[in-house]
Amino acid sequence: PVVLRTLDIGGDKSLPYFPIQEDNPFLGWRGIRITLDHPEIFLVQIRAMMRASVGLNNLNILLPMISDVEELHDSLALIHQAYGELLEDGLELNMPRVGVMIEVPSAVYQAGSLARRGDFLSIGTNDLTQYLLAVDRNNARVAELYDSLHPSVIRAILQVVDSARVHSKPVSVCGEMAGDPAAAILLLGMGIESLSMSVSSLVRVKWVIRNITRDQANEILSEVLIMEDVHTIRRFLHATLEKAGMGGLVRAGK
């Protein structure tokens, strides 16, 4: 399958031909909010994605920065419109699977409703961590407070996974957390089977997954869930990797 995310600008992502000036861009006009305000842009994207999938039928569309069910409903309506238009043009294609990015706290609490309506969920850990901890990861003054192993982030991800499991919908994880060998243990323990990361992280994370069983990861996760601060969690996970003979994986990542 191929996963294509719809236009995801705003915040720290900009386009020279689509300038956006805002006092607080991370809480402003970005992601799906922009394309729902400009359905003509959204429809062009969706039709192009679907045309590219003709004969392959392997398209998965991912919607960024969804904050409530209504945004998903409106997006799905436009996707079905684009699909119908292409069928009228004589193209033979299947309706693509549509997934939702879980990047804001409101989506965490509505994960069950979003999973029921969508085909899959993808947790964007960079933005989710930033919003949960109220930390601008690009601000040097508070950057040290930004950590995806914070107890609140771990519990939020687990809540999303549990909500999706009720509806038998798969969950993937992207962002820096997906490429962290220590975090990979926890994600494995939660039952997540798809991680999206940079090429530079592949070997280290792959090594962890090959050398720690699902049952072991589940036990480690259970211990972490009773811990109350990020430093304790990180020390515990690093010690766990050291004991398993994989300490070099986290030392190399420092």
Foldseek 3Di string as FASTA:
>chain_A
DDEDEPAWAWDPRDDPVDDDDDPHGLPDQTFLNVCLVVVVSVLVVLLVQQVVCQPPQPYEYEGEPDQDPVSVVSSVVSNVVSVVVVVVVVTDYDRHFYEYEDQAPSCLVCLLVRLLVGQAYEYEQVNNQCRVQVHDCVDPVCVVVRDCLFLVNLVSVLSNLVSNVVVPHAYEYEDPLLLQLLSLLLCLLSVHDHYDYDPVSVVLNVVSPVQADNVRSVVLNVVSNVDHGSVVSVVVSLVVCVVSVNNVSVVVVD
